[in-house]
């Protein structure tokens, strides 16, 4: 994929809407983030460090906020299927946009603190 827009456009309209909303959450909270691709999915960096990644799959949205982003919100994420540094938000359930926003904010703040030393 060359652009995030191309990546998003390959999915059905309802999934595109979800991906676009997640992208806008990230860009609103971290407008200085660098958009790119890593591991074949949209990725975002602040201070040259990974912020978050996301990807669409057949039945879920994968959201990747590194292990620290997931450990901080462990209790709230416990209702979702998870892996180390990843969580699956099912497409047949309401998307937890507020939780995504709080995770992105946490990761942005964490990267800022690390950059300041």
Protein backbone atom coordinates (compact mmCIF):
# COMPACT_ATOMS: atom_id res chain seq x y z
CA UNK A 1 0.00 0.00 0.00
CA UNK A 2 1.18 3.47 -0.81
CA UNK A 3 -1.21 5.46 1.38
CA UNK A 4 -3.42 5.00 4.38
CA UNK A 5 -6.36 6.07 2.18
CA UNK A 6 -5.67 3.21 -0.25
CA UNK A 7 -5.45 0.76 2.63
CA UNK A 8 -8.79 1.90 4.05
CA UNK A 9 -10.50 2.02 0.64
CA UNK A 10 -10.01 -1.73 0.07
CA UNK A 11 -12.54 -2.61 2.78
CA UNK A 12 -16.37 -2.53 2.78
CA UNK A 13 -17.94 0.87 3.49
CA UNK A 14 -18.89 0.07 7.10
CA UNK A 15 -15.32 -1.02 7.87
CA UNK A 16 -13.93 2.03 6.05
CA UNK A 17 -16.03 4.23 8.33
CA UNK A 18 -14.55 2.56 11.42
CA UNK A 19 -10.98 2.78 10.12
CA UNK A 20 -11.42 6.43 9.14
CA UNK A 21 -12.77 7.25 12.59
CA UNK A 22 -9.83 5.52 14.30
CA UNK A 23 -7.44 7.38 12.00
CA UNK A 24 -9.09 10.70 12.83
CA UNK A 25 -8.89 9.96 16.56
CA UNK A 26 -5.15 9.36 16.22
CA UNK A 27 -4.55 12.46 14.08
CA UNK A 28 -6.65 14.65 16.38
CA UNK A 29 -4.83 13.55 19.52
CA UNK A 30 -1.39 13.38 17.89
CA UNK A 31 -1.48 15.78 14.92
CA UNK A 32 2.31 15.73 14.72
CA UNK A 33 2.44 11.95 14.37
CA UNK A 34 4.11 10.40 11.36
CA UNK A 35 1.80 8.17 9.31
CA UNK A 36 3.27 5.18 7.58
CA UNK A 37 3.08 1.43 7.29
CA UNK A 38 4.65 -1.23 9.48
CA UNK A 39 3.92 -4.92 9.38
CA UNK A 40 1.54 -4.23 6.46
CA UNK A 41 -0.75 -1.97 8.46
CA UNK A 42 -1.18 1.75 9.14
CA UNK A 43 1.29 2.88 11.74
CA UNK A 44 1.85 6.09 13.66
CA UNK A 45 4.96 7.39 15.37
CA UNK A 46 5.70 10.31 17.65
CA UNK A 47 9.22 11.33 18.55
CA UNK A 48 10.41 8.58 16.16
CA UNK A 49 8.86 5.95 18.45
CA UNK A 50 5.84 3.74 17.71
CA UNK A 51 2.57 5.24 18.87
CA UNK A 52 -0.14 2.82 17.65
CA UNK A 53 -1.02 0.62 14.69
CA UNK A 54 -4.37 -0.64 13.44
CA UNK A 55 -5.63 -3.11 10.87
CA UNK A 56 -8.89 -4.53 9.59
CA UNK A 57 -9.60 -8.23 9.44
CA UNK A 58 -12.65 -10.24 8.44
CA UNK A 59 -14.32 -10.11 11.86
CA UNK A 60 -12.39 -7.54 13.87
CA UNK A 61 -10.22 -4.46 13.99
CA UNK A 62 -6.77 -5.16 15.35
CA UNK A 63 -5.38 -2.37 17.49
CA UNK A 64 -1.77 -2.37 18.60
CA UNK A 65 -0.57 0.07 21.25
CA UNK A 66 2.59 -1.76 22.30
CA UNK A 67 2.59 -3.70 25.53
CA UNK A 68 2.55 -0.56 27.70
CA UNK A 69 -0.62 0.81 26.13
CA UNK A 70 -2.36 -2.48 26.72
CA UNK A 71 -1.09 -3.02 30.24
CA UNK A 72 -2.24 0.45 31.32
CA UNK A 73 -5.82 -0.33 30.19
CA UNK A 74 -5.72 -4.01 31.13
CA UNK A 75 -9.04 -4.04 33.00
CA UNK A 76 -11.01 -2.30 30.24
CA UNK A 77 -9.41 -4.40 27.52
CA UNK A 78 -10.04 -7.66 29.39
CA UNK A 79 -13.43 -8.08 27.68
CA UNK A 80 -11.70 -8.31 24.28
CA UNK A 81 -9.53 -11.02 22.74
CA UNK A 82 -5.87 -10.01 23.18
CA UNK A 83 -2.30 -10.89 22.42
CA UNK A 84 0.91 -9.27 23.65
CA UNK A 85 0.52 -5.65 22.61
CA UNK A 86 -2.63 -6.29 20.59
CA UNK A 87 -6.38 -6.31 21.02
CA UNK A 88 -9.22 -7.37 18.74
CA UNK A 89 -12.32 -5.19 18.59
CA UNK A 90 -15.13 -7.28 17.01
CA UNK A 91 -16.88 -5.73 14.02
CA UNK A 92 -20.25 -6.98 15.23
CA UNK A 93 -20.04 -4.97 18.48
CA UNK A 94 -19.91 -1.21 19.10
CA UNK A 95 -16.39 0.12 18.54
CA UNK A 96 -14.90 1.48 21.82
CA UNK A 97 -13.82 4.83 20.37
CA UNK A 98 -13.52 6.47 23.79
CA UNK A 99 -11.17 3.73 24.98
CA UNK A 100 -9.15 4.01 21.76
CA UNK A 101 -8.86 7.77 22.34
CA UNK A 102 -7.63 7.29 25.89
CA UNK A 103 -5.07 4.69 24.79
CA UNK A 104 -3.75 6.97 22.03
CA UNK A 105 -3.49 9.86 24.51
CA UNK A 106 -1.63 7.65 26.98
CA UNK A 107 0.82 6.49 24.30
CA UNK A 108 1.35 10.06 23.07
CA UNK A 109 2.11 11.24 26.61
CA UNK A 110 4.38 8.25 27.20
CA UNK A 111 6.38 8.93 24.02
CA UNK A 112 6.66 12.62 24.93
CA UNK A 113 8.05 11.78 28.36
CA UNK A 114 10.54 9.32 26.87
CA UNK A 115 11.69 11.93 24.34
CA UNK A 116 12.32 14.47 27.12
CA UNK A 117 14.46 11.95 28.98
